[in-house]
């Protein structure tokens, strides 16, 4: 059980502490990605509004389907799928 001590772990080396500049860089990139996703979603919702959608899919159901398809597309861009 002595191997499980937190004092002896290499956690700080594995995690790596980010400098302030790196933290700001990560925040800016996340905000930019979120902004792009929201703009794409707004455009798709506007196009869906004028299409013939079945009654059961109107509203939040079609939005969830669209969000799921967008997430698959973004995973494909990152090389996960």
N, C-alpha and C. Protein backbone atom coordinates (compact mmCIF):
# COMPACT_ATOMS: atom_id res chain seq x y z
N UNK A 1 0.81 -1.20 0.00
CA UNK A 1 0.00 0.00 0.00
C UNK A 1 0.85 1.26 0.00
N UNK A 2 2.14 1.15 0.18
CA UNK A 2 3.00 2.33 0.22
C UNK A 2 3.14 2.96 -1.16
N UNK A 3 2.84 2.19 -2.21
CA UNK A 3 2.96 2.73 -3.57
C UNK A 3 1.85 3.71 -3.91
N UNK A 4 0.78 3.72 -3.15
CA UNK A 4 -0.36 4.57 -3.46
C UNK A 4 -0.30 5.94 -2.79
N UNK A 5 0.81 6.30 -2.21
CA UNK A 5 0.91 7.59 -1.55
C UNK A 5 0.90 8.71 -2.58
N UNK A 6 0.16 9.75 -2.27
CA UNK A 6 0.07 10.90 -3.17
C UNK A 6 1.38 11.66 -3.21
N UNK A 7 2.10 11.69 -2.09
CA UNK A 7 3.35 12.44 -2.05
C UNK A 7 4.38 11.90 -3.04
N UNK A 8 4.34 10.61 -3.28
CA UNK A 8 5.33 9.99 -4.15
C UNK A 8 4.89 9.90 -5.60
N UNK A 9 3.71 10.39 -5.90
CA UNK A 9 3.21 10.23 -7.26
C UNK A 9 3.85 11.26 -8.20
N UNK A 10 3.76 10.98 -9.46
CA UNK A 10 4.27 11.89 -10.50
C UNK A 10 3.15 12.72 -11.10
N UNK A 11 2.08 12.92 -10.34
CA UNK A 11 0.91 13.64 -10.86
C UNK A 11 1.25 15.03 -11.38
N UNK A 12 2.02 15.85 -10.65
CA UNK A 12 2.34 17.17 -11.21
C UNK A 12 3.11 17.08 -12.53
N UNK A 13 3.93 16.08 -12.69
CA UNK A 13 4.68 15.94 -13.93
C UNK A 13 3.77 15.50 -15.07
N UNK A 14 2.78 14.65 -14.77
CA UNK A 14 1.89 14.15 -15.80
C UNK A 14 0.87 15.20 -16.24
N UNK A 15 0.34 15.94 -15.29
CA UNK A 15 -0.68 16.93 -15.60
C UNK A 15 -0.06 18.13 -16.29
N UNK A 16 1.03 18.59 -15.80
CA UNK A 16 1.70 19.75 -16.38
C UNK A 16 0.93 21.03 -16.07
N UNK A 17 1.54 21.91 -15.40
CA UNK A 17 0.87 23.15 -15.03
C UNK A 17 1.00 24.15 -16.18
N UNK A 18 -0.11 24.77 -16.52
CA UNK A 18 -0.13 25.74 -17.61
C UNK A 18 0.24 27.12 -17.10
N UNK A 19 0.97 27.83 -17.90
CA UNK A 19 1.27 29.22 -17.55
C UNK A 19 0.03 30.06 -17.84
N UNK A 20 0.06 31.30 -17.41
CA UNK A 20 -1.08 32.19 -17.63
C UNK A 20 -1.35 32.37 -19.12
N UNK A 21 -0.30 32.51 -19.91
CA UNK A 21 -0.45 32.67 -21.35
C UNK A 21 -1.11 31.45 -21.98
N UNK A 22 -0.70 30.27 -21.54
CA UNK A 22 -1.28 29.04 -22.07
C UNK A 22 -2.75 28.91 -21.67
N UNK A 23 -3.06 29.30 -20.44
CA UNK A 23 -4.46 29.25 -19.99
C UNK A 23 -5.32 30.18 -20.82
N UNK A 24 -4.85 31.38 -21.07
CA UNK A 24 -5.61 32.33 -21.89
C UNK A 24 -5.77 31.79 -23.30
N UNK A 25 -4.73 31.17 -23.83
CA UNK A 25 -4.79 30.58 -25.17
C UNK A 25 -5.85 29.49 -25.24
N UNK A 26 -5.91 28.64 -24.22
CA UNK A 26 -6.92 27.57 -24.20
C UNK A 26 -8.31 28.16 -24.11
N UNK A 27 -8.50 29.17 -23.28
CA UNK A 27 -9.82 29.80 -23.12
C UNK A 27 -10.27 30.43 -24.43
N UNK A 28 -9.36 31.12 -25.11
CA UNK A 28 -9.72 31.76 -26.39
C UNK A 28 -10.10 30.71 -27.42
N UNK A 29 -9.36 29.61 -27.48
CA UNK A 29 -9.66 28.56 -28.46
C UNK A 29 -11.01 27.90 -28.16
N UNK A 30 -11.29 27.66 -26.89
CA UNK A 30 -12.57 27.04 -26.52
C UNK A 30 -13.72 27.98 -26.86
N UNK A 31 -13.57 29.25 -26.54
CA UNK A 31 -14.62 30.21 -26.85
C UNK A 31 -14.84 30.34 -28.36
N UNK A 32 -13.77 30.33 -29.13
CA UNK A 32 -13.89 30.41 -30.59
C UNK A 32 -14.62 29.17 -31.13
N UNK A 33 -14.27 27.99 -30.63
CA UNK A 33 -14.93 26.77 -31.07
C UNK A 33 -16.40 26.75 -30.70
N UNK A 34 -16.72 27.22 -29.50
CA UNK A 34 -18.11 27.29 -29.07
C UNK A 34 -18.88 28.27 -29.94
N UNK A 35 -18.28 29.41 -30.25
CA UNK A 35 -18.93 30.41 -31.10
C UNK A 35 -19.22 29.84 -32.49
N UNK A 36 -18.26 29.14 -33.06
CA UNK A 36 -18.46 28.53 -34.38
C UNK A 36 -19.59 27.51 -34.33
N UNK A 37 -19.62 26.67 -33.29
CA UNK A 37 -20.67 25.66 -33.17
C UNK A 37 -22.04 26.30 -33.03
N UNK A 38 -22.14 27.37 -32.26
CA UNK A 38 -23.43 28.06 -32.08
C UNK A 38 -23.88 28.71 -33.38
N UNK A 39 -22.97 29.31 -34.12
CA UNK A 39 -23.33 29.94 -35.40
C UNK A 39 -23.81 28.89 -36.40
N UNK A 40 -23.11 27.76 -36.46
CA UNK A 40 -23.53 26.68 -37.36
C UNK A 40 -24.90 26.16 -36.95
N UNK A 41 -25.12 25.98 -35.66
CA UNK A 41 -26.40 25.47 -35.17
C UNK A 41 -27.53 26.45 -35.47
N UNK A 42 -27.27 27.73 -35.32
CA UNK A 42 -28.30 28.72 -35.63
C UNK A 42 -28.66 28.70 -37.11
N UNK A 43 -27.66 28.58 -37.96
CA UNK A 43 -27.92 28.50 -39.39
C UNK A 43 -28.72 27.26 -39.77
N UNK A 44 -28.38 26.14 -39.17
CA UNK A 44 -29.12 24.91 -39.45
C UNK A 44 -30.55 24.97 -38.94
N UNK A 45 -30.74 25.56 -37.77
CA UNK A 45 -32.11 25.69 -37.24
C UNK A 45 -32.95 26.58 -38.13
N UNK A 46 -32.34 27.62 -38.67
CA UNK A 46 -33.09 28.51 -39.56
C UNK A 46 -33.48 27.79 -40.84
N UNK A 47 -32.59 26.96 -41.39
CA UNK A 47 -32.91 26.20 -42.59
C UNK A 47 -33.97 25.13 -42.29
N UNK A 48 -33.88 24.49 -41.13
CA UNK A 48 -34.84 23.45 -40.77
C UNK A 48 -36.24 24.03 -40.59
N UNK A 49 -36.30 25.28 -40.15
CA UNK A 49 -37.59 25.93 -39.89
C UNK A 49 -38.46 25.98 -41.15
N UNK A 50 -37.84 26.11 -42.31
CA UNK A 50 -38.59 26.24 -43.56
C UNK A 50 -38.76 24.91 -44.28
N UNK A 51 -38.25 23.82 -43.74
CA UNK A 51 -38.39 22.50 -44.35
C UNK A 51 -39.62 21.80 -43.80
N UNK A 52 -40.05 20.77 -44.52
CA UNK A 52 -41.19 19.97 -44.10
C UNK A 52 -40.69 18.89 -43.13
N UNK A 53 -40.85 19.14 -41.84
CA UNK A 53 -40.40 18.23 -40.80
C UNK A 53 -41.63 17.54 -40.21
N UNK A 54 -41.58 16.22 -39.99
CA UNK A 54 -42.72 15.55 -39.37
C UNK A 54 -43.07 16.17 -38.02
N UNK A 55 -44.34 16.09 -37.66
CA UNK A 55 -44.84 16.73 -36.44
C UNK A 55 -44.12 16.23 -35.19
N UNK A 56 -43.74 14.94 -35.17
CA UNK A 56 -43.08 14.40 -33.98
C UNK A 56 -41.66 14.94 -33.80
N UNK A 57 -41.04 15.42 -34.87
CA UNK A 57 -39.68 15.92 -34.80
C UNK A 57 -39.61 17.44 -34.66
N UNK A 58 -40.71 18.13 -34.69
CA UNK A 58 -40.68 19.59 -34.57
C UNK A 58 -40.26 20.00 -33.17
N UNK A 59 -39.55 21.12 -33.10
CA UNK A 59 -39.14 21.65 -31.80
C UNK A 59 -37.79 21.12 -31.36
N UNK A 60 -37.74 20.71 -30.10
CA UNK A 60 -36.45 20.31 -29.53
C UNK A 60 -35.96 18.96 -30.04
N UNK A 61 -36.86 18.11 -30.55
CA UNK A 61 -36.42 16.79 -31.03
C UNK A 61 -35.49 16.93 -32.23
N UNK A 62 -35.85 17.76 -33.19
CA UNK A 62 -35.00 17.94 -34.37
C UNK A 62 -33.70 18.65 -34.00
N UNK A 63 -33.75 19.49 -32.98
CA UNK A 63 -32.53 20.17 -32.52
C UNK A 63 -31.56 19.15 -31.92
N UNK A 64 -32.07 18.20 -31.16
CA UNK A 64 -31.21 17.17 -30.57
C UNK A 64 -30.63 16.26 -31.65
N UNK A 65 -31.42 15.92 -32.65
CA UNK A 65 -30.91 15.11 -33.76
C UNK A 65 -29.81 15.87 -34.49
N UNK A 66 -30.06 17.15 -34.75
CA UNK A 66 -29.06 17.98 -35.43
C UNK A 66 -27.78 18.10 -34.61
N UNK A 67 -27.92 18.30 -33.31
CA UNK A 67 -26.75 18.40 -32.43
C UNK A 67 -25.96 17.10 -32.44
N UNK A 68 -26.65 15.97 -32.45
CA UNK A 68 -25.96 14.68 -32.51
C UNK A 68 -25.19 14.51 -33.80
N UNK A 69 -25.80 14.89 -34.92
CA UNK A 69 -25.10 14.79 -36.21
C UNK A 69 -23.91 15.75 -36.27
N UNK A 70 -24.07 16.94 -35.69
CA UNK A 70 -22.94 17.88 -35.65
C UNK A 70 -21.80 17.34 -34.80
N UNK A 71 -22.13 16.68 -33.69
CA UNK A 71 -21.06 16.14 -32.85
C UNK A 71 -20.30 15.03 -33.57
N UNK A 72 -21.02 14.21 -34.33
CA UNK A 72 -20.35 13.17 -35.13
C UNK A 72 -19.43 13.82 -36.16
N UNK A 73 -19.90 14.89 -36.78
CA UNK A 73 -19.08 15.59 -37.79
C UNK A 73 -17.83 16.19 -37.15
N UNK A 74 -17.96 16.80 -35.97
CA UNK A 74 -16.80 17.39 -35.31
C UNK A 74 -15.82 16.31 -34.86
N UNK A 75 -16.31 15.16 -34.41
CA UNK A 75 -15.42 14.06 -34.07
C UNK A 75 -14.68 13.56 -35.30
N UNK A 76 -15.35 13.55 -36.44
CA UNK A 76 -14.71 13.14 -37.67
C UNK A 76 -13.60 14.10 -38.08
N UNK A 77 -13.81 15.39 -37.85
CA UNK A 77 -12.78 16.37 -38.17
C UNK A 77 -11.53 16.19 -37.30
N UNK A 78 -11.74 15.77 -36.05
CA UNK A 78 -10.61 15.63 -35.14
C UNK A 78 -9.91 14.29 -35.29
N UNK A 79 -10.46 13.39 -36.09
CA UNK A 79 -9.82 12.11 -36.31
C UNK A 79 -10.18 11.05 -35.30
N UNK A 80 -11.19 11.28 -34.48
CA UNK A 80 -11.58 10.30 -33.47
C UNK A 80 -12.30 9.13 -34.13
N UNK A 81 -13.16 9.41 -35.08
CA UNK A 81 -13.93 8.35 -35.76
C UNK A 81 -13.25 8.03 -37.08
